[in-house]
Amino acid sequence: DDNSMLSTGNKKLDDSAPEITGLEYKDETTLEHAKYFKLYHYAKGITLLEVDMTTDTARKPETVDSGKENAKTEAADYLNAEIHGQTVGFGGSMTLEELRLWERLSTHNTVYSHLHGYSLGPEAANAQIYISSVNGIAETGEIILIDGIGNRASSVLYGHKKVYLVIGRNKIAPNYSQAVWRARNIAAPLNAHRKKMA
């Protein structure tokens, strides 16, 4: 069963910050009422926003969707309050679309995203803030990002005042090889299909 590769993808939020190879962990932002996400800060201005987007955050099936929606709303509320009066670039991400971040941030920031009518040109690449998701992340610290033309990968690595990675629990795998498996066999085919490349 291919899904067994991702057996830990439905557990709750981590108790401590994930180790990310090549990035020094700095601190965690503690938010009093945040039940569905955590914020970890690393060197080079990188912030990891871990979101509990599992479908098993509640025991009763009729309340499962409300738990998932609460997680999305909490994460979007945080980013909406944190980012104000900035230029913001988005990586093409269905996670960001699910959070409806474009609609929220556009009311008080200048937001660039090729999913909302902008080109893949310099606007998002030169923005003060960059927000993206990734295709997979290993509990051992490696981030997997398969990118069609390199716009997300380059922007996550270089040139912005601050980078936010919004990562749902569905993207977390126990180790590097399983995170790569997830990126290649789940995320990449879905993206290719969505872009009509398959």
Protein backbone atom coordinates (compact mmCIF):
# COMPACT_ATOMS: atom_id res chain seq x y z
CA ASP A 1 0.00 0.00 0.00
CA ASP A 2 1.65 3.25 -1.15
CA ASN A 3 -0.03 5.28 1.60
CA SER A 4 1.94 3.35 4.23
CA MET A 5 4.92 5.49 3.23
CA LEU A 6 3.17 8.40 4.94
CA SER A 7 1.89 6.65 8.04
CA THR A 8 2.97 9.43 10.43
CA GLY A 9 1.38 12.19 8.35
CA ASN A 10 -1.74 12.25 10.51
CA LYS A 11 -0.21 12.82 13.93
CA LYS A 12 -0.65 16.05 15.85
CA LEU A 13 1.73 19.02 15.83
CA ASP A 14 5.34 18.46 16.87
CA ASP A 15 6.39 19.15 20.45
CA SER A 16 9.59 20.84 19.34
CA ALA A 17 10.97 22.57 16.27
CA PRO A 18 11.99 20.32 13.38
CA GLU A 19 15.72 20.29 12.68
CA ILE A 20 16.32 21.65 9.19
CA THR A 21 19.65 20.82 7.63
CA GLY A 22 21.65 23.99 7.01
CA LEU A 23 19.43 26.25 9.13
CA GLU A 24 20.03 27.16 12.74
CA TYR A 25 16.90 27.10 14.91
CA LYS A 26 16.34 30.41 16.75
CA ASP A 27 13.04 30.29 18.66
CA GLU A 28 9.33 29.55 18.64
CA THR A 29 6.56 32.12 18.77
CA THR A 30 4.17 31.05 21.49
CA LEU A 31 0.60 32.07 20.81
CA GLU A 32 -1.83 31.72 23.70
CA HIS A 33 -4.84 30.48 21.74
CA ALA A 34 -3.21 28.67 18.82
CA LYS A 35 -4.31 25.03 18.88
CA TYR A 36 -3.82 24.15 15.23
CA PHE A 37 -0.46 25.63 14.28
CA LYS A 38 3.02 26.46 15.56
CA LEU A 39 5.62 28.98 14.43
CA TYR A 40 9.32 28.12 14.41
CA HIS A 41 11.96 30.73 13.54
CA TYR A 42 15.30 29.86 11.96
CA ALA A 43 18.38 31.78 10.86
CA LYS A 44 18.26 33.83 7.65
CA GLY A 45 14.74 35.11 8.47
CA ILE A 46 13.00 31.82 7.68
CA THR A 47 9.81 31.03 9.59
CA LEU A 48 8.21 27.60 9.46
CA LEU A 49 4.46 27.65 10.00
CA GLU A 50 3.41 24.10 10.88
CA VAL A 51 -0.33 23.64 10.39
CA ASP A 52 -2.37 20.69 11.64
CA MET A 53 -4.46 20.07 8.51
CA THR A 54 -5.22 16.44 9.27
CA THR A 55 -8.71 15.08 8.93
CA ASP A 56 -8.49 13.35 12.29
CA THR A 57 -8.25 16.37 14.57
CA ALA A 58 -11.62 15.41 16.08
CA ARG A 59 -13.17 12.09 17.09
CA LYS A 60 -16.67 12.61 15.70
CA PRO A 61 -16.83 12.50 11.88
CA GLU A 62 -19.27 15.41 11.76
CA THR A 63 -16.75 17.66 13.57
CA VAL A 64 -13.65 16.65 11.58
CA ASP A 65 -14.08 19.33 8.93
CA SER A 66 -14.57 22.07 11.53
CA GLY A 67 -11.24 21.12 13.18
CA LYS A 68 -9.46 21.32 9.83
CA GLU A 69 -11.13 24.64 9.04
CA ASN A 70 -10.14 25.99 12.46
CA ALA A 71 -6.51 25.13 11.72
CA LYS A 72 -6.65 26.94 8.39
CA THR A 73 -8.36 29.98 9.89
CA GLU A 74 -5.86 30.23 12.77
CA ALA A 75 -2.88 30.07 10.43
CA ALA A 76 -4.38 32.61 8.01
CA ASP A 77 -5.30 34.93 10.90
CA TYR A 78 -1.72 34.86 12.15
CA LEU A 79 -0.18 35.65 8.76
CA ASN A 80 -2.79 38.32 8.06
CA ALA A 81 -1.94 40.09 11.34
CA GLU A 82 1.83 39.60 10.99
CA ILE A 83 2.23 40.95 7.43
CA HIS A 84 1.08 44.51 6.85
CA GLY A 85 2.05 47.17 4.29
CA GLN A 86 4.55 44.91 2.50
CA THR A 87 5.11 43.56 -0.96
CA VAL A 88 4.38 39.83 -0.80
CA GLY A 89 5.25 37.13 -3.32
CA PHE A 90 3.43 33.80 -3.41
CA GLY A 91 4.73 30.51 -4.67
CA GLY A 92 2.13 28.58 -6.63
CA SER A 93 0.60 26.63 -3.78
CA MET A 94 -2.72 24.93 -3.26
CA THR A 95 -2.05 25.10 0.50
CA LEU A 96 -2.00 28.91 0.30
CA GLU A 97 -5.14 28.84 -1.83
CA GLU A 98 -6.93 26.67 0.75
CA LEU A 99 -6.03 29.24 3.41
CA ARG A 100 -7.42 32.03 1.17
CA LEU A 101 -4.32 34.10 1.93
CA TRP A 102 -4.45 36.03 -1.34
CA GLU A 103 -7.87 37.46 -0.50
CA ARG A 104 -6.86 38.35 3.05
CA LEU A 105 -3.39 39.78 2.50
CA SER A 106 -4.34 41.74 -0.63
CA THR A 107 -6.50 44.08 1.43
CA HIS A 108 -3.46 45.66 3.15
CA ASN A 109 -0.42 44.51 1.16
CA THR A 110 0.66 44.38 -2.47
CA VAL A 111 0.54 40.65 -3.25
CA TYR A 112 1.96 38.99 -6.37
CA SER A 113 1.00 35.49 -7.47
CA HIS A 114 0.89 33.88 -10.89
CA LEU A 115 -2.26 32.09 -9.72
CA HIS A 116 -3.94 35.49 -9.45
CA GLY A 117 -3.05 37.08 -12.77
CA TYR A 118 0.58 38.11 -12.34
CA SER A 119 3.37 36.70 -14.46
CA LEU A 120 6.13 34.50 -13.07
CA GLY A 121 8.35 37.56 -13.50
CA PRO A 122 10.22 39.69 -11.03
CA GLU A 123 7.35 40.99 -8.88
CA ALA A 124 7.05 37.94 -6.59
CA ALA A 125 10.79 37.26 -6.78
CA ASN A 126 11.61 40.79 -5.59
CA ALA A 127 8.91 41.09 -2.91
CA GLN A 128 9.86 41.89 0.68
CA ILE A 129 8.02 38.80 1.98
CA TYR A 130 7.72 35.42 0.28
CA ILE A 131 5.16 32.76 1.22
CA SER A 132 5.21 29.24 -0.14
CA SER A 133 4.59 25.65 0.73
CA VAL A 134 6.77 22.66 -0.06
CA ASN A 135 6.15 19.23 -1.56
CA GLY A 136 7.44 17.30 1.42
CA ILE A 137 9.36 17.70 4.66
CA ALA A 138 11.15 14.99 6.60
CA GLU A 139 11.04 14.68 10.37
CA THR A 140 14.83 14.48 10.05
CA GLY A 141 14.86 18.09 8.78
CA GLU A 142 15.10 17.98 5.00
CA ILE A 143 12.71 20.12 2.97
CA ILE A 144 11.70 18.77 -0.45
CA LEU A 145 10.68 21.27 -3.11
CA ILE A 146 10.14 20.11 -6.69
CA ASP A 147 9.60 23.16 -8.85
CA GLY A 148 8.55 23.41 -12.48
CA ILE A 149 10.70 26.40 -13.46
CA GLY A 150 12.52 27.28 -10.25
CA ASN A 151 10.52 30.32 -9.11
CA ARG A 152 9.55 28.86 -5.72
CA ALA A 153 12.85 27.13 -5.00
CA SER A 154 14.90 30.24 -5.76
CA SER A 155 12.60 32.53 -3.80
CA VAL A 156 12.61 30.29 -0.74
CA LEU A 157 16.42 30.34 -0.74
CA TYR A 158 17.34 33.90 -1.66
CA GLY A 159 16.43 37.57 -1.71
CA HIS A 160 13.55 38.25 0.68
CA LYS A 161 13.41 40.01 4.03
CA LYS A 162 11.34 37.14 5.41
CA VAL A 163 10.15 33.76 4.10
CA TYR A 164 7.16 31.85 5.47
CA LEU A 165 6.76 28.16 4.68
CA VAL A 166 3.20 26.98 5.28
CA ILE A 167 3.28 23.22 5.64
CA GLY A 168 0.31 20.97 6.35
CA ARG A 169 0.80 17.77 8.33
CA ASN A 170 -0.04 15.83 5.16
CA LYS A 171 3.39 16.79 3.80
CA ILE A 172 5.44 15.48 6.73
CA ALA A 173 7.18 12.13 6.32
CA PRO A 174 9.39 10.23 8.79
CA ASN A 175 12.62 10.54 6.79
CA TYR A 176 14.22 11.97 3.67
CA SER A 177 13.50 9.06 1.32
CA GLN A 178 9.81 8.99 2.27
CA ALA A 179 9.55 12.79 1.90
CA VAL A 180 11.08 12.50 -1.59
CA TRP A 181 8.68 9.63 -2.34
CA ARG A 182 5.75 11.85 -1.31
CA ALA A 183 7.01 14.75 -3.44
CA ARG A 184 7.56 12.56 -6.52
CA ASN A 185 4.52 10.30 -6.26
CA ILE A 186 1.84 12.51 -4.74
CA ALA A 187 2.68 16.23 -5.05
CA ALA A 188 4.41 16.32 -8.45
CA PRO A 189 1.75 14.30 -10.32
CA LEU A 190 -1.04 16.42 -8.78
CA ASN A 191 0.75 19.61 -9.80
CA ALA A 192 1.41 18.30 -13.32
CA HIS A 193 -2.23 17.34 -13.68
CA ARG A 194 -3.38 20.72 -12.37
CA LYS A 195 -1.08 22.47 -14.86
CA LYS A 196 -2.18 20.05 -17.60
CA MET A 197 1.36 18.72 -18.05
CA ALA A 198 0.46 15.07 -17.52
